[in-house]
Amino acid sequence: MAIVDRLNNEGNLLLVELHEDGKQNLYYRFGLISTDDGKLKGGIVWQGENFIHYDNGYHPSVAINEDNMVI
């Protein structure tokens, strides 16, 4: 599952990707997508090398609130 939202100050889109491994482990990672006047101009630049384990369970969900916090 992934969500793309909001431009940062450099004109990038924020990508949040969630992953479940089938063993009740939930992971996330962040990426930035470059844009130029609203048009995509590059691939995803992942922030960090790996997914980060954040919880246990199934069926993760994600949102970005108006304060740019991932919830």
C-alpha atoms as a PDB file:
ATOM      1  CA  MET A   1       0.000   0.000   0.000  1.00  0.00           C
ATOM      2  CA  ALA A   2       1.264   3.476  -0.746  1.00  0.00           C
ATOM      3  CA  ILE A   3       0.055   7.038  -0.479  1.00  0.00           C
ATOM      4  CA  VAL A   4       1.355  10.070  -2.353  1.00  0.00           C
ATOM      5  CA  ASP A   5       0.565  13.492  -0.960  1.00  0.00           C
ATOM      6  CA  ARG A   6       1.665  17.094  -0.578  1.00  0.00           C
ATOM      7  CA  LEU A   7       4.542  18.922  -2.133  1.00  0.00           C
ATOM      8  CA  ASN A   8       7.440  19.875   0.102  1.00  0.00           C
ATOM      9  CA  ASN A   9       9.272  23.205  -0.216  1.00  0.00           C
ATOM     10  CA  GLU A  10      11.479  21.841  -3.025  1.00  0.00           C
ATOM     11  CA  GLY A  11       8.487  20.817  -5.176  1.00  0.00           C
ATOM     12  CA  ASN A  12       8.663  17.102  -4.397  1.00  0.00           C
ATOM     13  CA  LEU A  13       5.774  14.751  -3.719  1.00  0.00           C
ATOM     14  CA  LEU A  14       5.963  12.716  -0.516  1.00  0.00           C
ATOM     15  CA  LEU A  15       5.463   8.972  -0.920  1.00  0.00           C
ATOM     16  CA  VAL A  16       4.732   6.717   2.065  1.00  0.00           C
ATOM     17  CA  GLU A  17       4.827   2.987   1.342  1.00  0.00           C
ATOM     18  CA  LEU A  18       3.526   0.371   3.780  1.00  0.00           C
ATOM     19  CA  HIS A  19       4.256  -3.331   3.641  1.00  0.00           C
ATOM     20  CA  GLU A  20       3.095  -6.372   5.588  1.00  0.00           C
ATOM     21  CA  ASP A  21       5.168  -9.539   5.403  1.00  0.00           C
ATOM     22  CA  GLY A  22       2.385 -12.083   6.082  1.00  0.00           C
ATOM     23  CA  LYS A  23       3.800 -12.757   9.564  1.00  0.00           C
ATOM     24  CA  GLN A  24       2.041  -9.838  11.281  1.00  0.00           C
ATOM     25  CA  ASN A  25       5.039  -7.503  10.803  1.00  0.00           C
ATOM     26  CA  LEU A  26       4.256  -4.036   9.436  1.00  0.00           C
ATOM     27  CA  TYR A  27       6.913  -1.855   7.766  1.00  0.00           C
ATOM     28  CA  TYR A  28       7.085   1.586   6.155  1.00  0.00           C
ATOM     29  CA  ARG A  29       9.471   3.732   4.143  1.00  0.00           C
ATOM     30  CA  PHE A  30       9.428   7.265   2.736  1.00  0.00           C
ATOM     31  CA  GLY A  31      10.341   8.463  -0.708  1.00  0.00           C
ATOM     32  CA  LEU A  32      10.366  11.701  -2.652  1.00  0.00           C
ATOM     33  CA  ILE A  33       9.188  12.098  -6.240  1.00  0.00           C
ATOM     34  CA  SER A  34      10.606  15.072  -8.168  1.00  0.00           C
ATOM     35  CA  THR A  35       8.197  17.346 -10.028  1.00  0.00           C
ATOM     36  CA  ASP A  36       8.480  20.326 -12.337  1.00  0.00           C
ATOM     37  CA  ASP A  37       5.388  22.558 -12.464  1.00  0.00           C
ATOM     38  CA  GLY A  38       3.253  19.623 -11.279  1.00  0.00           C
ATOM     39  CA  LYS A  39       4.685  17.120 -13.780  1.00  0.00           C
ATOM     40  CA  LEU A  40       6.722  14.127 -12.669  1.00  0.00           C
ATOM     41  CA  LYS A  41      10.339  14.478 -13.735  1.00  0.00           C
ATOM     42  CA  GLY A  42      12.150  11.645 -12.019  1.00  0.00           C
ATOM     43  CA  GLY A  43      11.915   8.387 -10.172  1.00  0.00           C
ATOM     44  CA  ILE A  44      11.472   7.784  -6.472  1.00  0.00           C
ATOM     45  CA  VAL A  45      14.357   8.747  -4.205  1.00  0.00           C
ATOM     46  CA  TRP A  46      13.953   6.546  -1.127  1.00  0.00           C
ATOM     47  CA  GLN A  47      14.870   8.081   2.214  1.00  0.00           C
ATOM     48  CA  GLY A  48      17.010   5.407   3.840  1.00  0.00           C
ATOM     49  CA  GLU A  49      17.941   1.998   2.526  1.00  0.00           C
ATOM     50  CA  ASN A  50      15.381  -0.299   4.133  1.00  0.00           C
ATOM     51  CA  PHE A  51      11.823  -0.574   5.356  1.00  0.00           C
ATOM     52  CA  ILE A  52      11.383   0.291   9.045  1.00  0.00           C
ATOM     53  CA  HIS A  53       9.398  -2.072  11.305  1.00  0.00           C
ATOM     54  CA  TYR A  54       6.751  -0.043  13.156  1.00  0.00           C
ATOM     55  CA  ASP A  55       4.086  -2.435  14.467  1.00  0.00           C
ATOM     56  CA  ASN A  56       2.518  -5.864  14.288  1.00  0.00           C
ATOM     57  CA  GLY A  57      -0.821  -6.692  12.686  1.00  0.00           C
ATOM     58  CA  TYR A  58      -2.573  -7.003   9.366  1.00  0.00           C
ATOM     59  CA  HIS A  59      -4.136  -4.586   6.865  1.00  0.00           C
ATOM     60  CA  PRO A  60      -2.132  -1.411   7.505  1.00  0.00           C
ATOM     61  CA  SER A  61      -3.508   1.987   6.611  1.00  0.00           C
ATOM     62  CA  VAL A  62      -1.851   5.369   6.286  1.00  0.00           C
ATOM     63  CA  ALA A  63      -2.753   9.029   5.857  1.00  0.00           C
ATOM     64  CA  ILE A  64      -0.985  12.382   5.899  1.00  0.00           C
ATOM     65  CA  ASN A  65      -2.755  15.079   7.914  1.00  0.00           C
ATOM     66  CA  GLU A  66      -2.824  18.813   7.141  1.00  0.00           C
ATOM     67  CA  ASP A  67       0.252  19.324   9.359  1.00  0.00           C
ATOM     68  CA  ASN A  68       2.195  16.907   7.077  1.00  0.00           C
ATOM     69  CA  MET A  69       2.299  14.253   9.795  1.00  0.00           C
ATOM     70  CA  VAL A  70       2.009  10.621   8.720  1.00  0.00           C
ATOM     71  CA  ILE A  71      -0.684   8.861  10.746  1.00  0.00           C
END
